[in-house]
Amino acid sequence: MNKRLSRYDYLFALTFIFMLVLALGTFFFGLRMGQERATAKYEELLFKKTEVQNGYSAYHQQYLVSYYHTIYQPYREFHMKWFEKMNELETNRSSDASAILKDLGLLAKEKYSELSNKSMPDSSPLLQEGLQNYLKSLKLFSEALGNIQGKANSTPSYDLVAEMNKDAYLVEAKKFSLSAQKDYYDSIIKWNLADNPQLKQVDVSKPLSLKDWTPLSLSMKNEYISNALLNGKLFKLYTPQDLSSRIDEMVSSGQSSKLNLADVQQVIDLLNATDAVRSGDFIRNKNRLYPNETLPQLPFFFTQN
């Protein structure tokens, strides 16, 4: 004769199954975390081994390229999406601002998780610092967007963007992004100097005349621009080389002379005030203005980024 299971038996069975599923989930989560940490550690050890075997300098091209693909490009994807969505809000092309901010926040969180597992060699402190600054930037973007999302649909889009531009967390997130950008362009100069110790340098913290600007290498110009963008809190879609090329274009065409501009900062101010710099300006001007320039093999120097 079959014995029917009691309510207690059912409860016990369900509890056992739940505990089994929980244990398996915990096991696989721990396994994944262990694999990610092991991968990050392996990458760090591989960097150090490669450096010793090949006698690489602290800012060898291999490190710059690795940083580009594993750190700079993932952040750049968020960077570009930010400007795309801000343009949607400014032009009132979306009726759901809250959804836009939610998606941006999720993307920032996703990129933060992606970069958290990356590392750069101890011998390249500028690249390490750049990674940390990008992580701080993404974390602040994620937190700020989460805070603003709830009230987004109750505020007109244009006013919302204006409020976001003044938000303390977003201002700080942009600052960390600009700091990371400067770290990378400082690293590129280190690469140039390892190959050409006689490369002419300037103090990026001091005013620079267009006369002294013109003969500089593009890498030195870009480093100067990355510092100017940081100090001016100019969080833009374009890259430093885009702005450098527009300055050189104004000088070579004689426009700067006609406008009585003698200082690099004056040209920067004018170009930004008139929204006259676009992402891709460097690629458009490269062959004409920089036919013999020595540059590392980084994609944004050869294709539009």
C-alpha atoms as a PDB file:
ATOM      1  CA  MET A   1       0.000   0.000   0.000  1.00  0.00           C
ATOM      2  CA  ASN A   2       1.469   3.362  -1.022  1.00  0.00           C
ATOM      3  CA  LYS A   3       2.097   5.894   1.675  1.00  0.00           C
ATOM      4  CA  ARG A   4       1.274   9.523   0.787  1.00  0.00           C
ATOM      5  CA  LEU A   5       3.962  12.106   1.455  1.00  0.00           C
ATOM      6  CA  SER A   6       3.153  14.523   4.234  1.00  0.00           C
ATOM      7  CA  ARG A   7       3.402  18.313   3.971  1.00  0.00           C
ATOM      8  CA  TYR A   8       6.596  18.069   6.003  1.00  0.00           C
ATOM      9  CA  ASP A   9       8.101  15.647   3.476  1.00  0.00           C
ATOM     10  CA  TYR A  10       7.317  18.028   0.607  1.00  0.00           C
ATOM     11  CA  LEU A  11       8.790  20.950   2.513  1.00  0.00           C
ATOM     12  CA  PHE A  12      11.916  18.983   3.313  1.00  0.00           C
ATOM     13  CA  ALA A  13      12.343  17.958  -0.343  1.00  0.00           C
ATOM     14  CA  LEU A  14      11.887  21.526  -1.590  1.00  0.00           C
ATOM     15  CA  THR A  15      14.310  22.847   1.009  1.00  0.00           C
ATOM     16  CA  PHE A  16      16.879  20.238   0.004  1.00  0.00           C
ATOM     17  CA  ILE A  17      16.540  21.114  -3.697  1.00  0.00           C
ATOM     18  CA  PHE A  18      16.815  24.837  -2.931  1.00  0.00           C
ATOM     19  CA  MET A  19      19.962  24.311  -0.851  1.00  0.00           C
ATOM     20  CA  LEU A  20      21.449  22.149  -3.605  1.00  0.00           C
ATOM     21  CA  VAL A  21      20.792  24.823  -6.258  1.00  0.00           C
ATOM     22  CA  LEU A  22      22.211  27.512  -3.954  1.00  0.00           C
ATOM     23  CA  ALA A  23      25.335  25.446  -3.291  1.00  0.00           C
ATOM     24  CA  LEU A  24      25.883  24.845  -7.010  1.00  0.00           C
ATOM     25  CA  GLY A  25      25.353  28.547  -7.777  1.00  0.00           C
ATOM     26  CA  THR A  26      27.850  29.535  -5.095  1.00  0.00           C
ATOM     27  CA  PHE A  27      30.348  27.001  -6.432  1.00  0.00           C
ATOM     28  CA  PHE A  28      30.165  28.220 -10.024  1.00  0.00           C
ATOM     29  CA  PHE A  29      30.244  31.890  -8.961  1.00  0.00           C
ATOM     30  CA  GLY A  30      33.364  31.201  -6.901  1.00  0.00           C
ATOM     31  CA  LEU A  31      34.875  29.295  -9.819  1.00  0.00           C
ATOM     32  CA  ARG A  32      34.238  32.206 -12.195  1.00  0.00           C
ATOM     33  CA  MET A  33      35.709  34.738  -9.759  1.00  0.00           C
ATOM     34  CA  GLY A  34      38.759  32.538  -9.301  1.00  0.00           C
ATOM     35  CA  GLN A  35      39.239  32.220 -13.052  1.00  0.00           C
ATOM     36  CA  GLU A  36      38.982  36.002 -13.547  1.00  0.00           C
ATOM     37  CA  ARG A  37      41.495  36.689 -10.798  1.00  0.00           C
ATOM     38  CA  ALA A  38      43.835  34.022 -12.146  1.00  0.00           C
ATOM     39  CA  THR A  39      43.554  35.531 -15.649  1.00  0.00           C
ATOM     40  CA  ALA A  40      44.372  39.020 -14.351  1.00  0.00           C
ATOM     41  CA  LYS A  41      47.339  37.647 -12.392  1.00  0.00           C
ATOM     42  CA  TYR A  42      48.529  35.690 -15.426  1.00  0.00           C
ATOM     43  CA  GLU A  43      48.344  38.805 -17.626  1.00  0.00           C
ATOM     44  CA  GLU A  44      50.418  40.728 -15.093  1.00  0.00           C
ATOM     45  CA  LEU A  45      53.045  37.968 -14.893  1.00  0.00           C
ATOM     46  CA  LEU A  46      53.106  37.700 -18.691  1.00  0.00           C
ATOM     47  CA  PHE A  47      53.712  41.450 -18.968  1.00  0.00           C
ATOM     48  CA  LYS A  48      56.650  41.210 -16.565  1.00  0.00           C
ATOM     49  CA  LYS A  49      58.112  38.130 -18.287  1.00  0.00           C
ATOM     50  CA  THR A  50      57.836  39.725 -21.741  1.00  0.00           C
ATOM     51  CA  GLU A  51      59.448  42.907 -20.458  1.00  0.00           C
ATOM     52  CA  VAL A  52      62.450  41.033 -19.070  1.00  0.00           C
ATOM     53  CA  GLN A  53      62.880  38.773 -22.116  1.00  0.00           C
ATOM     54  CA  ASN A  54      62.706  41.563 -24.671  1.00  0.00           C
ATOM     55  CA  GLY A  55      64.297  44.366 -22.696  1.00  0.00           C
ATOM     56  CA  TYR A  56      61.250  46.569 -23.251  1.00  0.00           C
ATOM     57  CA  SER A  57      61.193  50.098 -21.953  1.00  0.00           C
ATOM     58  CA  ALA A  58      58.475  51.053 -19.466  1.00  0.00           C
ATOM     59  CA  TYR A  59      56.366  52.493 -22.285  1.00  0.00           C
ATOM     60  CA  HIS A  60      57.186  50.149 -25.123  1.00  0.00           C
ATOM     61  CA  GLN A  61      54.760  50.164 -28.029  1.00  0.00           C
ATOM     62  CA  GLN A  62      53.430  46.740 -27.021  1.00  0.00           C
ATOM     63  CA  TYR A  63      52.187  48.196 -23.731  1.00  0.00           C
ATOM     64  CA  LEU A  64      50.619  51.193 -25.459  1.00  0.00           C
ATOM     65  CA  VAL A  65      48.808  48.911 -27.919  1.00  0.00           C
ATOM     66  CA  SER A  66      47.683  46.531 -25.170  1.00  0.00           C
ATOM     67  CA  TYR A  67      46.365  49.478 -23.140  1.00  0.00           C
ATOM     68  CA  TYR A  68      44.523  50.784 -26.181  1.00  0.00           C
ATOM     69  CA  HIS A  69      42.645  47.554 -26.857  1.00  0.00           C
ATOM     70  CA  THR A  70      41.987  46.376 -23.299  1.00  0.00           C
ATOM     71  CA  ILE A  71      41.436  49.680 -21.463  1.00  0.00           C
ATOM     72  CA  TYR A  72      41.148  52.739 -23.701  1.00  0.00           C
ATOM     73  CA  GLN A  73      38.796  51.246 -26.308  1.00  0.00           C
ATOM     74  CA  PRO A  74      36.264  49.786 -23.825  1.00  0.00           C
ATOM     75  CA  TYR A  75      36.089  53.154 -22.073  1.00  0.00           C
ATOM     76  CA  ARG A  76      35.852  54.923 -25.423  1.00  0.00           C
ATOM     77  CA  GLU A  77      32.750  52.871 -26.225  1.00  0.00           C
ATOM     78  CA  PHE A  78      31.048  54.319 -23.159  1.00  0.00           C
ATOM     79  CA  HIS A  79      32.446  57.777 -23.969  1.00  0.00           C
ATOM     80  CA  MET A  80      30.946  57.761 -27.466  1.00  0.00           C
ATOM     81  CA  LYS A  81      27.610  56.407 -26.251  1.00  0.00           C
ATOM     82  CA  TRP A  82      27.472  59.201 -23.645  1.00  0.00           C
ATOM     83  CA  PHE A  83      27.662  61.916 -26.307  1.00  0.00           C
ATOM     84  CA  GLU A  84      25.227  60.092 -28.574  1.00  0.00           C
ATOM     85  CA  LYS A  85      22.615  59.921 -25.814  1.00  0.00           C
ATOM     86  CA  MET A  86      23.244  63.473 -24.566  1.00  0.00           C
ATOM     87  CA  ASN A  87      22.593  64.655 -28.118  1.00  0.00           C
ATOM     88  CA  GLU A  88      19.291  62.739 -28.118  1.00  0.00           C
ATOM     89  CA  LEU A  89      18.256  64.516 -24.929  1.00  0.00           C
ATOM     90  CA  GLU A  90      19.382  67.968 -26.082  1.00  0.00           C
ATOM     91  CA  THR A  91      17.481  67.670 -29.357  1.00  0.00           C
ATOM     92  CA  ASN A  92      14.446  66.167 -27.597  1.00  0.00           C
ATOM     93  CA  ARG A  93      14.495  63.046 -29.786  1.00  0.00           C
ATOM     94  CA  SER A  94      13.487  60.738 -26.947  1.00  0.00           C
ATOM     95  CA  SER A  95      10.354  60.706 -24.805  1.00  0.00           C
ATOM     96  CA  ASP A  96      11.913  58.467 -22.148  1.00  0.00           C
ATOM     97  CA  ALA A  97      14.918  60.199 -20.608  1.00  0.00           C
ATOM     98  CA  SER A  98      14.837  57.812 -17.661  1.00  0.00           C
ATOM     99  CA  ALA A  99      15.397  54.821 -19.967  1.00  0.00           C
ATOM    100  CA  ILE A 100      18.336  56.588 -21.617  1.00  0.00           C
ATOM    101  CA  LEU A 101      20.013  57.258 -18.280  1.00  0.00           C
ATOM    102  CA  LYS A 102      19.305  53.715 -17.118  1.00  0.00           C
ATOM    103  CA  ASP A 103      21.003  52.271 -20.220  1.00  0.00           C
ATOM    104  CA  LEU A 104      23.987  54.592 -19.803  1.00  0.00           C
ATOM    105  CA  GLY A 105      24.306  53.623 -16.151  1.00  0.00           C
ATOM    106  CA  LEU A 106      24.214  49.921 -17.012  1.00  0.00           C
ATOM    107  CA  LEU A 107      26.847  50.438 -19.710  1.00  0.00           C
ATOM    108  CA  ALA A 108      29.105  52.303 -17.255  1.00  0.00           C
ATOM    109  CA  LYS A 109      28.695  49.459 -14.778  1.00  0.00           C
ATOM    110  CA  GLU A 110      29.438  46.877 -17.477  1.00  0.00           C
ATOM    111  CA  LYS A 111      32.611  48.674 -18.575  1.00  0.00           C
ATOM    112  CA  TYR A 112      33.681  49.083 -14.937  1.00  0.00           C
ATOM    113  CA  SER A 113      33.427  45.303 -14.453  1.00  0.00           C
ATOM    114  CA  GLU A 114      35.342  44.722 -17.686  1.00  0.00           C
ATOM    115  CA  LEU A 115      38.211  47.052 -16.745  1.00  0.00           C
ATOM    116  CA  SER A 116      38.348  45.818 -13.135  1.00  0.00           C
ATOM    117  CA  ASN A 117      39.935  42.601 -14.395  1.00  0.00           C
ATOM    118  CA  LYS A 118      42.678  44.358 -16.362  1.00  0.00           C
ATOM    119  CA  SER A 119      46.183  45.303 -15.271  1.00  0.00           C
ATOM    120  CA  MET A 120      49.304  47.018 -16.560  1.00  0.00           C
ATOM    121  CA  PRO A 121      52.949  46.306 -15.611  1.00  0.00           C
ATOM    122  CA  ASP A 122      54.436  47.908 -12.493  1.00  0.00           C
ATOM    123  CA  SER A 123      57.133  49.451 -14.687  1.00  0.00           C
ATOM    124  CA  SER A 124      54.481  51.598 -16.433  1.00  0.00           C
ATOM    125  CA  PRO A 125      52.948  53.705 -13.625  1.00  0.00           C
ATOM    126  CA  LEU A 126      51.283  56.161 -16.020  1.00  0.00           C
ATOM    127  CA  LEU A 127      49.339  53.325 -17.646  1.00  0.00           C
ATOM    128  CA  GLN A 128      48.426  51.923 -14.225  1.00  0.00           C
ATOM    129  CA  GLU A 129      47.238  55.359 -13.127  1.00  0.00           C
ATOM    130  CA  GLY A 130      45.265  55.775 -16.350  1.00  0.00           C
ATOM    131  CA  LEU A 131      43.447  52.498 -15.679  1.00  0.00           C
ATOM    132  CA  GLN A 132      42.590  53.555 -12.127  1.00  0.00           C
ATOM    133  CA  ASN A 133      41.309  56.934 -13.311  1.00  0.00           C
ATOM    134  CA  TYR A 134      39.058  55.301 -15.908  1.00  0.00           C
ATOM    135  CA  LEU A 135      37.692  52.964 -13.215  1.00  0.00           C
ATOM    136  CA  LYS A 136      36.949  55.905 -10.913  1.00  0.00           C
ATOM    137  CA  SER A 137      35.272  57.710 -13.791  1.00  0.00           C
ATOM    138  CA  LEU A 138      33.011  54.778 -14.682  1.00  0.00           C
ATOM    139  CA  LYS A 139      32.048  54.165 -11.062  1.00  0.00           C
ATOM    140  CA  LEU A 140      31.007  57.798 -10.601  1.00  0.00           C
ATOM    141  CA  PHE A 141      29.100  57.821 -13.898  1.00  0.00           C
ATOM    142  CA  SER A 142      27.213  54.688 -12.840  1.00  0.00           C
ATOM    143  CA  GLU A 143      26.326  56.064  -9.388  1.00  0.00           C
ATOM    144  CA  ALA A 144      25.346  59.526 -10.629  1.00  0.00           C
ATOM    145  CA  LEU A 145      23.150  58.220 -13.438  1.00  0.00           C
ATOM    146  CA  GLY A 146      21.378  55.933 -10.987  1.00  0.00           C
ATOM    147  CA  ASN A 147      20.637  58.902  -8.731  1.00  0.00           C
ATOM    148  CA  ILE A 148      19.326  61.117 -11.535  1.00  0.00           C
ATOM    149  CA  GLN A 149      17.314  58.464 -13.377  1.00  0.00           C
ATOM    150  CA  GLY A 150      14.274  58.623 -11.075  1.00  0.00           C
ATOM    151  CA  LYS A 151      13.498  62.284 -11.756  1.00  0.00           C
ATOM    152  CA  ALA A 152      14.563  62.352 -15.414  1.00  0.00           C
ATOM    153  CA  ASN A 153      11.108  62.088 -16.989  1.00  0.00           C
ATOM    154  CA  SER A 154       9.710  64.903 -14.861  1.00  0.00           C
ATOM    155  CA  THR A 155      12.268  67.409 -16.184  1.00  0.00           C
ATOM    156  CA  PRO A 156      12.357  68.862 -19.721  1.00  0.00           C
ATOM    157  CA  SER A 157      15.217  67.246 -21.654  1.00  0.00           C
ATOM    158  CA  TYR A 158      17.197  70.429 -22.244  1.00  0.00           C
ATOM    159  CA  ASP A 159      16.936  71.403 -18.568  1.00  0.00           C
ATOM    160  CA  LEU A 160      17.896  67.871 -17.565  1.00  0.00           C
ATOM    161  CA  VAL A 161      21.136  68.061 -19.560  1.00  0.00           C
ATOM    162  CA  ALA A 162      21.912  71.456 -18.020  1.00  0.00           C
ATOM    163  CA  GLU A 163      21.383  70.019 -14.525  1.00  0.00           C
ATOM    164  CA  MET A 164      23.559  67.011 -15.333  1.00  0.00           C
ATOM    165  CA  ASN A 165      26.377  69.294 -16.484  1.00  0.00           C
ATOM    166  CA  LYS A 166      26.389  70.794 -12.986  1.00  0.00           C
ATOM    167  CA  ASP A 167      26.028  67.530 -11.055  1.00  0.00           C
ATOM    168  CA  ALA A 168      29.016  67.155  -8.700  1.00  0.00           C
ATOM    169  CA  TYR A 169      29.395  63.404  -9.305  1.00  0.00           C
ATOM    170  CA  LEU A 170      29.304  63.770 -13.092  1.00  0.00           C
ATOM    171  CA  VAL A 171      31.741  66.700 -12.993  1.00  0.00           C
ATOM    172  CA  GLU A 172      34.155  64.506 -11.022  1.00  0.00           C
ATOM    173  CA  ALA A 173      33.581  61.538 -13.360  1.00  0.00           C
ATOM    174  CA  LYS A 174      34.538  63.700 -16.338  1.00  0.00           C
ATOM    175  CA  LYS A 175      37.613  64.979 -14.501  1.00  0.00           C
ATOM    176  CA  PHE A 176      38.855  61.425 -13.892  1.00  0.00           C
ATOM    177  CA  SER A 177      38.261  60.645 -17.580  1.00  0.00           C
ATOM    178  CA  LEU A 178      40.352  63.649 -18.642  1.00  0.00           C
ATOM    179  CA  SER A 179      43.073  62.660 -16.152  1.00  0.00           C
ATOM    180  CA  ALA A 180      43.195  59.151 -17.628  1.00  0.00           C
ATOM    181  CA  GLN A 181      43.414  60.632 -21.110  1.00  0.00           C
ATOM    182  CA  LYS A 182      46.368  62.775 -20.058  1.00  0.00           C
ATOM    183  CA  ASP A 183      48.075  59.726 -18.497  1.00  0.00           C
ATOM    184  CA  TYR A 184      47.861  57.920 -21.839  1.00  0.00           C
ATOM    185  CA  TYR A 185      49.247  60.812 -23.893  1.00  0.00           C
ATOM    186  CA  ASP A 186      52.016  61.309 -21.326  1.00  0.00           C
ATOM    187  CA  SER A 187      52.869  57.631 -21.887  1.00  0.00           C
ATOM    188  CA  ILE A 188      53.050  58.170 -25.647  1.00  0.00           C
ATOM    189  CA  ILE A 189      55.619  60.939 -25.096  1.00  0.00           C
ATOM    190  CA  LYS A 190      57.644  58.499 -22.962  1.00  0.00           C
ATOM    191  CA  TRP A 191      57.597  56.092 -25.913  1.00  0.00           C
ATOM    192  CA  ASN A 192      58.808  58.865 -28.235  1.00  0.00           C
ATOM    193  CA  LEU A 193      61.616  59.830 -25.861  1.00  0.00           C
ATOM    194  CA  ALA A 194      62.842  56.243 -25.600  1.00  0.00           C
ATOM    195  CA  ASP A 195      63.296  56.252 -29.381  1.00  0.00           C
ATOM    196  CA  ASN A 196      64.409  59.882 -29.688  1.00  0.00           C
ATOM    197  CA  PRO A 197      65.921  61.338 -26.477  1.00  0.00           C
ATOM    198  CA  GLN A 198      66.514  64.658 -28.287  1.00  0.00           C
ATOM    199  CA  LEU A 199      62.796  65.211 -28.862  1.00  0.00           C
ATOM    200  CA  LYS A 200      61.932  68.814 -28.062  1.00  0.00           C
ATOM    201  CA  GLN A 201      59.689  69.159 -25.025  1.00  0.00           C
ATOM    202  CA  VAL A 202      57.784  72.033 -23.467  1.00  0.00           C
ATOM    203  CA  ASP A 203      56.271  72.670 -20.049  1.00  0.00           C
ATOM    204  CA  VAL A 204      52.630  71.730 -20.587  1.00  0.00           C
ATOM    205  CA  SER A 205      51.564  73.760 -17.556  1.00  0.00           C
ATOM    206  CA  LYS A 206      52.740  77.070 -19.045  1.00  0.00           C
ATOM    207  CA  PRO A 207      51.335  79.264 -21.860  1.00  0.00           C
ATOM    208  CA  LEU A 208      52.714  78.425 -25.304  1.00  0.00           C
ATOM    209  CA  SER A 209      52.958  80.728 -28.294  1.00  0.00           C
ATOM    210  CA  LEU A 210      51.920  79.481 -31.728  1.00  0.00           C
ATOM    211  CA  LYS A 211      55.472  80.198 -32.889  1.00  0.00           C
ATOM    212  CA  ASP A 212      56.841  77.706 -30.333  1.00  0.00           C
ATOM    213  CA  TRP A 213      53.955  75.301 -30.930  1.00  0.00           C
ATOM    214  CA  THR A 214      54.451  74.873 -34.683  1.00  0.00           C
ATOM    215  CA  PRO A 215      57.805  72.990 -34.735  1.00  0.00           C
ATOM    216  CA  LEU A 216      56.827  70.541 -31.988  1.00  0.00           C
ATOM    217  CA  SER A 217      56.194  66.861 -32.724  1.00  0.00           C
ATOM    218  CA  LEU A 218      52.559  65.805 -32.889  1.00  0.00           C
ATOM    219  CA  SER A 219      53.017  63.701 -29.744  1.00  0.00           C
ATOM    220  CA  MET A 220      54.245  66.735 -27.820  1.00  0.00           C
ATOM    221  CA  LYS A 221      51.347  68.812 -29.146  1.00  0.00           C
ATOM    222  CA  ASN A 222      48.889  66.120 -28.078  1.00  0.00           C
ATOM    223  CA  GLU A 223      50.365  65.976 -24.596  1.00  0.00           C
ATOM    224  CA  TYR A 224      50.031  69.757 -24.311  1.00  0.00           C
ATOM    225  CA  ILE A 225      46.418  69.553 -25.496  1.00  0.00           C
ATOM    226  CA  SER A 226      45.508  66.713 -23.119  1.00  0.00           C
ATOM    227  CA  ASN A 227      46.738  68.863 -20.238  1.00  0.00           C
ATOM    228  CA  ALA A 228      44.800  71.901 -21.536  1.00  0.00           C
ATOM    229  CA  LEU A 229      41.606  69.818 -21.791  1.00  0.00           C
ATOM    230  CA  LEU A 230      42.052  68.604 -18.221  1.00  0.00           C
ATOM    231  CA  ASN A 231      42.707  72.075 -16.838  1.00  0.00           C
ATOM    232  CA  GLY A 232      39.822  73.547 -18.820  1.00  0.00           C
ATOM    233  CA  LYS A 233      37.457  70.716 -17.795  1.00  0.00           C
ATOM    234  CA  LEU A 234      36.721  70.201 -21.484  1.00  0.00           C
ATOM    235  CA  PHE A 235      35.087  66.769 -21.673  1.00  0.00           C
ATOM    236  CA  LYS A 236      34.607  66.344 -25.424  1.00  0.00           C
ATOM    237  CA  LEU A 237      33.927  63.640 -27.983  1.00  0.00           C
ATOM    238  CA  TYR A 238      36.999  64.551 -30.030  1.00  0.00           C
ATOM    239  CA  THR A 239      40.542  63.375 -29.219  1.00  0.00           C
ATOM    240  CA  PRO A 240      43.579  65.565 -28.446  1.00  0.00           C
ATOM    241  CA  GLN A 241      44.959  64.914 -31.935  1.00  0.00           C
ATOM    242  CA  ASP A 242      41.702  66.204 -33.444  1.00  0.00           C
ATOM    243  CA  LEU A 243      42.185  69.515 -31.636  1.00  0.00           C
ATOM    244  CA  SER A 244      45.931  69.598 -32.413  1.00  0.00           C
ATOM    245  CA  SER A 245      45.192  69.208 -36.111  1.00  0.00           C
ATOM    246  CA  ARG A 246      42.621  71.997 -36.063  1.00  0.00           C
ATOM    247  CA  ILE A 247      45.143  74.339 -34.424  1.00  0.00           C
ATOM    248  CA  ASP A 248      47.748  73.413 -37.050  1.00  0.00           C
ATOM    249  CA  GLU A 249      45.152  73.896 -39.772  1.00  0.00           C
ATOM    250  CA  MET A 250      44.410  77.414 -38.538  1.00  0.00           C
ATOM    251  CA  VAL A 251      48.120  78.246 -38.405  1.00  0.00           C
ATOM    252  CA  SER A 252      48.946  76.813 -41.845  1.00  0.00           C
ATOM    253  CA  SER A 253      45.964  78.534 -43.486  1.00  0.00           C
ATOM    254  CA  GLY A 254      46.894  81.888 -41.964  1.00  0.00           C
ATOM    255  CA  GLN A 255      43.585  82.156 -40.103  1.00  0.00           C
ATOM    256  CA  SER A 256      45.278  82.529 -36.723  1.00  0.00           C
ATOM    257  CA  SER A 257      47.306  85.502 -38.005  1.00  0.00           C
ATOM    258  CA  LYS A 258      44.244  87.172 -39.534  1.00  0.00           C
ATOM    259  CA  LEU A 259      42.481  86.876 -36.180  1.00  0.00           C
ATOM    260  CA  ASN A 260      45.555  88.157 -34.287  1.00  0.00           C
ATOM    261  CA  LEU A 261      45.864  84.938 -32.300  1.00  0.00           C
ATOM    262  CA  ALA A 262      49.348  84.359 -30.958  1.00  0.00           C
ATOM    263  CA  ASP A 263      48.786  81.894 -28.125  1.00  0.00           C
ATOM    264  CA  VAL A 264      47.719  78.235 -28.269  1.00  0.00           C
ATOM    265  CA  GLN A 265      45.139  78.714 -25.515  1.00  0.00           C
ATOM    266  CA  GLN A 266      43.503  81.518 -27.499  1.00  0.00           C
ATOM    267  CA  VAL A 267      42.992  79.163 -30.433  1.00  0.00           C
ATOM    268  CA  ILE A 268      41.676  76.407 -28.151  1.00  0.00           C
ATOM    269  CA  ASP A 269      39.146  78.827 -26.661  1.00  0.00           C
ATOM    270  CA  LEU A 270      38.015  80.040 -30.090  1.00  0.00           C
ATOM    271  CA  LEU A 271      37.658  76.568 -31.582  1.00  0.00           C
ATOM    272  CA  ASN A 272      35.621  75.311 -28.642  1.00  0.00           C
ATOM    273  CA  ALA A 273      33.476  78.439 -28.402  1.00  0.00           C
ATOM    274  CA  THR A 274      32.524  78.033 -32.070  1.00  0.00           C
ATOM    275  CA  ASP A 275      32.175  74.230 -31.822  1.00  0.00           C
ATOM    276  CA  ALA A 276      34.729  73.955 -34.630  1.00  0.00           C
ATOM    277  CA  VAL A 277      36.406  70.660 -33.668  1.00  0.00           C
ATOM    278  CA  ARG A 278      34.994  67.301 -34.727  1.00  0.00           C
ATOM    279  CA  SER A 279      35.889  63.715 -33.989  1.00  0.00           C
ATOM    280  CA  GLY A 280      37.847  62.609 -37.064  1.00  0.00           C
ATOM    281  CA  ASP A 281      39.486  65.974 -37.834  1.00  0.00           C
ATOM    282  CA  PHE A 282      42.927  64.446 -37.302  1.00  0.00           C
ATOM    283  CA  ILE A 283      42.350  61.652 -39.844  1.00  0.00           C
ATOM    284  CA  ARG A 284      41.024  64.209 -42.314  1.00  0.00           C
ATOM    285  CA  ASN A 285      44.150  66.362 -41.946  1.00  0.00           C
ATOM    286  CA  LYS A 286      46.779  63.680 -41.315  1.00  0.00           C
ATOM    287  CA  ASN A 287      48.256  63.134 -44.774  1.00  0.00           C
ATOM    288  CA  ARG A 288      48.429  66.851 -45.486  1.00  0.00           C
ATOM    289  CA  LEU A 289      49.752  68.079 -42.143  1.00  0.00           C
ATOM    290  CA  TYR A 290      51.719  65.105 -40.778  1.00  0.00           C
ATOM    291  CA  PRO A 291      53.138  63.070 -43.682  1.00  0.00           C
ATOM    292  CA  ASN A 292      56.401  62.194 -41.891  1.00  0.00           C
ATOM    293  CA  GLU A 293      55.285  62.088 -38.271  1.00  0.00           C
ATOM    294  CA  THR A 294      56.605  59.270 -36.050  1.00  0.00           C
ATOM    295  CA  LEU A 295      53.648  57.729 -34.219  1.00  0.00           C
ATOM    296  CA  PRO A 296      53.034  54.496 -32.325  1.00  0.00           C
ATOM    297  CA  GLN A 297      50.849  51.928 -34.054  1.00  0.00           C
ATOM    298  CA  LEU A 298      47.669  52.901 -32.235  1.00  0.00           C
ATOM    299  CA  PRO A 299      44.396  52.649 -34.183  1.00  0.00           C
ATOM    300  CA  PHE A 300      43.223  56.199 -33.419  1.00  0.00           C
ATOM    301  CA  PHE A 301      46.223  57.560 -35.339  1.00  0.00           C
ATOM    302  CA  PHE A 302      45.219  55.638 -38.478  1.00  0.00           C
ATOM    303  CA  THR A 303      41.429  55.319 -38.493  1.00  0.00           C
ATOM    304  CA  GLN A 304      38.617  57.439 -37.133  1.00  0.00           C
ATOM    305  CA  ASN A 305      37.872  56.494 -33.547  1.00  0.00           C
END
